[in-house]
Protein backbone atom coordinates (compact mmCIF):
# COMPACT_ATOMS: atom_id res chain seq x y z
CA UNK A 1 -3.26 18.52 1.89
CA UNK A 2 0.29 19.61 1.01
CA UNK A 3 1.46 18.69 4.52
CA UNK A 4 -0.32 15.32 4.30
CA UNK A 5 1.24 14.47 0.93
CA UNK A 6 4.64 15.68 2.15
CA UNK A 7 4.59 12.96 4.80
CA UNK A 8 4.30 10.33 2.06
CA UNK A 9 7.11 11.71 -0.07
CA UNK A 10 8.88 15.07 -0.05
CA UNK A 11 9.43 16.74 -3.45
CA UNK A 12 13.06 17.25 -4.40
CA UNK A 13 14.58 20.60 -5.25
CA UNK A 14 13.42 21.51 -8.74
CA UNK A 15 15.80 22.12 -11.61
CA UNK A 16 15.88 25.46 -13.40
CA UNK A 17 13.00 26.14 -15.79
CA UNK A 18 15.33 25.72 -18.76
CA UNK A 19 16.53 22.31 -17.56
CA UNK A 20 12.95 21.19 -16.83
CA UNK A 21 11.93 22.14 -20.37
CA UNK A 22 14.90 20.29 -21.84
CA UNK A 23 14.12 17.17 -19.81
CA UNK A 24 10.46 17.23 -20.89
CA UNK A 25 11.46 17.81 -24.51
CA UNK A 26 13.83 14.85 -24.34
CA UNK A 27 11.06 12.67 -22.91
CA UNK A 28 8.70 13.88 -25.66
CA UNK A 29 11.23 12.96 -28.35
CA UNK A 30 11.78 9.58 -26.70
CA UNK A 31 8.03 9.02 -26.82
CA UNK A 32 7.91 9.97 -30.50
CA UNK A 33 10.76 7.57 -31.24
CA UNK A 34 9.14 4.71 -29.33
CA UNK A 35 5.80 5.25 -31.08
CA UNK A 36 7.37 5.19 -34.54
CA UNK A 37 9.65 2.28 -33.65
CA UNK A 38 6.77 0.23 -32.25
CA UNK A 39 4.59 0.74 -35.32
CA UNK A 40 7.55 0.19 -37.66
CA UNK A 41 8.22 -3.20 -36.06
CA UNK A 42 4.57 -4.15 -36.32
CA UNK A 43 4.13 -2.96 -39.92
CA UNK A 44 7.47 -4.13 -41.35
CA UNK A 45 8.00 -7.30 -39.30
CA UNK A 46 8.48 -9.46 -42.40
CA UNK A 47 11.03 -7.08 -43.94
CA UNK A 48 13.12 -5.86 -41.01
CA UNK A 49 16.90 -5.42 -41.21
CA UNK A 50 18.72 -8.67 -40.46
CA UNK A 51 19.73 -7.96 -36.84
CA UNK A 52 16.39 -6.45 -35.91
CA UNK A 53 14.58 -9.34 -37.59
CA UNK A 54 16.68 -11.80 -35.57
CA UNK A 55 15.84 -10.02 -32.30
CA UNK A 56 12.15 -9.79 -33.19
CA UNK A 57 12.02 -13.47 -34.12
CA UNK A 58 13.75 -14.48 -30.88
CA UNK A 59 11.65 -12.48 -28.41
CA UNK A 60 8.54 -11.46 -30.41
CA UNK A 61 9.41 -7.81 -29.85
CA UNK A 62 6.69 -6.31 -32.07
CA UNK A 63 3.92 -8.10 -30.15
CA UNK A 64 5.53 -7.21 -26.83
CA UNK A 65 5.47 -3.49 -27.69
CA UNK A 66 1.80 -3.85 -28.56
CA UNK A 67 1.03 -4.81 -24.96
CA UNK A 68 0.59 -2.70 -21.86
CA UNK A 69 3.53 -3.82 -19.69
CA UNK A 70 6.43 -1.98 -21.38
CA UNK A 71 4.54 1.31 -21.43
CA UNK A 72 3.56 0.99 -17.77
CA UNK A 73 7.16 0.35 -16.76
CA UNK A 74 8.46 3.29 -18.80
CA UNK A 75 5.79 5.54 -17.30
CA UNK A 76 6.56 4.33 -13.76
CA UNK A 77 10.27 5.01 -14.25
CA UNK A 78 9.60 8.50 -15.62
CA UNK A 79 7.18 9.26 -12.79
CA UNK A 80 9.13 8.03 -9.76
CA UNK A 81 12.41 9.59 -10.91
CA UNK A 82 10.84 13.00 -11.54
CA UNK A 83 11.61 15.63 -8.92
CA UNK A 84 8.00 16.42 -7.96
CA UNK A 85 4.54 14.88 -8.53
CA UNK A 86 3.63 17.77 -10.84
CA UNK A 87 6.74 17.17 -12.92
CA UNK A 88 5.89 13.45 -12.95
CA UNK A 89 2.46 14.26 -14.43
CA UNK A 90 3.93 16.57 -17.06
CA UNK A 91 6.74 14.21 -18.06
CA UNK A 92 4.53 11.11 -18.33
CA UNK A 93 1.92 13.07 -20.29
CA UNK A 94 4.42 14.34 -22.87
CA UNK A 95 5.83 10.83 -23.24
CA UNK A 96 2.43 9.34 -24.03
CA UNK A 97 1.45 12.32 -26.17
CA UNK A 98 4.57 11.78 -28.28
CA UNK A 99 4.25 7.99 -28.38
CA UNK A 100 0.54 7.82 -29.20
CA UNK A 101 0.55 10.64 -31.77
CA UNK A 102 3.60 9.29 -33.63
CA UNK A 103 2.30 5.70 -33.54
CA UNK A 104 -1.04 6.60 -35.09
CA UNK A 105 0.51 9.11 -37.48
CA UNK A 106 2.68 6.27 -38.83
CA UNK A 107 -0.31 3.96 -38.85
CA UNK A 108 -2.47 6.40 -40.82
CA UNK A 109 -0.01 7.99 -43.25
CA UNK A 110 2.52 5.20 -43.85
CA UNK A 111 0.75 1.94 -43.03
CA UNK A 112 -2.53 3.28 -44.45
CA UNK A 113 -4.62 2.00 -41.56
CA UNK A 114 -6.15 3.91 -38.67
CA UNK A 115 -7.78 1.78 -35.93
CA UNK A 116 -10.05 4.44 -34.47
CA UNK A 117 -11.32 2.43 -31.49
CA UNK A 118 -7.81 1.56 -30.30
CA UNK A 119 -6.66 5.14 -30.88
CA UNK A 120 -9.49 6.47 -28.71
CA UNK A 121 -8.51 4.10 -25.89
CA UNK A 122 -4.89 5.27 -25.99
CA UNK A 123 -5.94 8.93 -26.23
CA UNK A 124 -8.11 8.47 -23.14
CA UNK A 125 -5.18 6.80 -21.37
CA UNK A 126 -2.92 9.70 -22.37
CA UNK A 127 -5.40 12.21 -20.97
CA UNK A 128 -5.56 10.28 -17.69
CA UNK A 129 -1.79 9.73 -17.50
CA UNK A 130 -0.88 12.93 -15.57
CA UNK A 131 -3.18 11.96 -12.70
CA UNK A 132 -1.91 8.37 -12.70
CA UNK A 133 1.70 9.61 -12.78
CA UNK A 134 0.97 11.98 -9.88
CA UNK A 135 -0.18 9.00 -7.81
CA UNK A 136 2.69 6.83 -9.02
CA UNK A 137 5.24 9.40 -7.84
CA UNK A 138 3.96 8.90 -4.30
CA UNK A 139 4.25 5.11 -4.69
CA UNK A 140 7.98 5.56 -4.12
CA UNK A 141 7.32 7.22 -0.76
CA UNK A 142 6.81 5.82 2.72
CA UNK A 143 3.79 4.75 4.73
CA UNK A 144 0.64 2.81 4.04
CA UNK A 145 -0.61 4.91 1.13
CA UNK A 146 2.69 4.58 -0.74
CA UNK A 147 2.68 0.85 0.00
CA UNK A 148 -0.85 0.46 -1.42
CA UNK A 149 -0.02 2.54 -4.51
CA UNK A 150 3.12 0.53 -5.26
CA UNK A 151 1.23 -2.72 -4.65
CA UNK A 152 -1.41 -1.60 -7.17
CA UNK A 153 1.27 -1.02 -9.81
CA UNK A 154 2.77 -4.45 -9.10
CA UNK A 155 -0.72 -5.95 -9.34
CA UNK A 156 -1.15 -4.62 -12.87
CA UNK A 157 2.30 -5.91 -13.86
CA UNK A 158 1.49 -9.33 -12.37
CA UNK A 159 -1.60 -9.51 -14.56
CA UNK A 160 0.56 -8.58 -17.54
CA UNK A 161 3.20 -11.19 -16.73
CA UNK A 162 0.93 -14.15 -15.90
CA UNK A 163 -2.14 -15.88 -17.26
CA UNK A 164 -3.90 -17.71 -14.46
CA UNK A 165 -7.14 -19.30 -13.39
CA UNK A 166 -8.49 -21.62 -10.73
CA UNK A 167 -6.15 -24.50 -11.55
CA UNK A 168 -3.41 -23.07 -13.75
CA UNK A 169 -0.81 -20.34 -14.03
CA UNK A 170 1.36 -19.57 -17.06
CA UNK A 171 3.93 -16.91 -17.89
CA UNK A 172 2.65 -14.59 -20.62
CA UNK A 173 6.15 -13.94 -21.99
CA UNK A 174 9.71 -13.61 -20.80
CA UNK A 175 9.78 -9.90 -21.59
CA UNK A 176 6.63 -9.22 -19.58
CA UNK A 177 8.15 -11.14 -16.68
CA UNK A 178 11.20 -8.90 -17.07
CA UNK A 179 8.94 -5.83 -16.87
CA UNK A 180 7.52 -7.16 -13.60
CA UNK A 181 11.05 -7.59 -12.24
CA UNK A 182 11.99 -4.04 -13.26
CA UNK A 183 8.82 -2.71 -11.65
CA UNK A 184 9.68 -4.46 -8.38
CA UNK A 185 13.25 -3.12 -8.51
CA UNK A 186 12.12 0.46 -9.17
CA UNK A 187 9.53 0.38 -6.36
CA UNK A 188 11.59 -1.76 -3.97
CA UNK A 189 11.68 -1.15 -0.23
CA UNK A 190 13.23 -3.24 2.53
CA UNK A 191 13.26 -6.99 1.87
CA UNK A 192 10.29 -7.52 4.18
CA UNK A 193 8.28 -4.63 2.71
CA UNK A 194 9.09 -5.64 -0.86
CA UNK A 195 7.83 -9.17 -0.18
CA UNK A 196 4.68 -7.69 1.34
CA UNK A 197 4.29 -5.39 -1.66
CA UNK A 198 4.43 -8.37 -4.04
CA UNK A 199 1.94 -10.30 -1.89
CA UNK A 200 -0.46 -7.36 -1.76
CA UNK A 201 0.07 -6.86 -5.49
CA UNK A 202 -1.06 -10.47 -6.07
CA UNK A 203 -4.26 -9.75 -4.15
CA UNK A 204 -4.83 -6.56 -6.17
CA UNK A 205 -4.18 -8.52 -9.38
CA UNK A 206 -6.86 -11.09 -8.58
CA UNK A 207 -9.35 -8.37 -7.61
CA UNK A 208 -8.67 -6.39 -10.81
CA UNK A 209 -9.06 -9.48 -12.95
CA UNK A 210 -12.38 -10.27 -11.27
CA UNK A 211 -13.72 -6.70 -11.43
CA UNK A 212 -12.60 -5.61 -14.91
CA UNK A 213 -14.82 -7.42 -17.43
CA UNK A 214 -12.31 -7.28 -20.30
CA UNK A 215 -8.58 -7.90 -20.66
CA UNK A 216 -6.52 -4.70 -20.84
CA UNK A 217 -3.07 -6.15 -20.11
């Protein structure tokens, strides 16, 4: 199995244990910050500082951070730029652990509201995140499996960026379209392969929308 996976993508030389711990701690703190910041925007949107209020009014930032796309892109970036698939799983897990725990801590103790059903969904996603990050690390590799994995990620981001049906297609928001562009840039290959990845991602997007009975993006 190790030899098979090594043909998709070869792990880089690992940092020292101390540096790995520092990197993971930094990612954890970033997750905590993003969780608090996201809930702060949502809870205090009518009373934000002037500059932040202007930004939020212009791009609807608080609603954007309540969607899936930004968190997928952050997780993809953390995963593919980790040195090994195991480190990708650890780093993505600590990010979501920090983000989800701080978000719902703020929600419960400051906003005075704890949406249990939503919290359980995000906790389940956090538990699954190491495995998803492990796979995502290989999406940056070579060969058919890497191509399919990267196309799957792009498919999810396409569903985040667009609302579509039999006779219509609309952009969900400019920021979600930006997340799609970043995802393509991070997972890019040759021009021909990148175009194929986007095309395959569109197929995956349609299949996911047809198979999944509820909207998660």
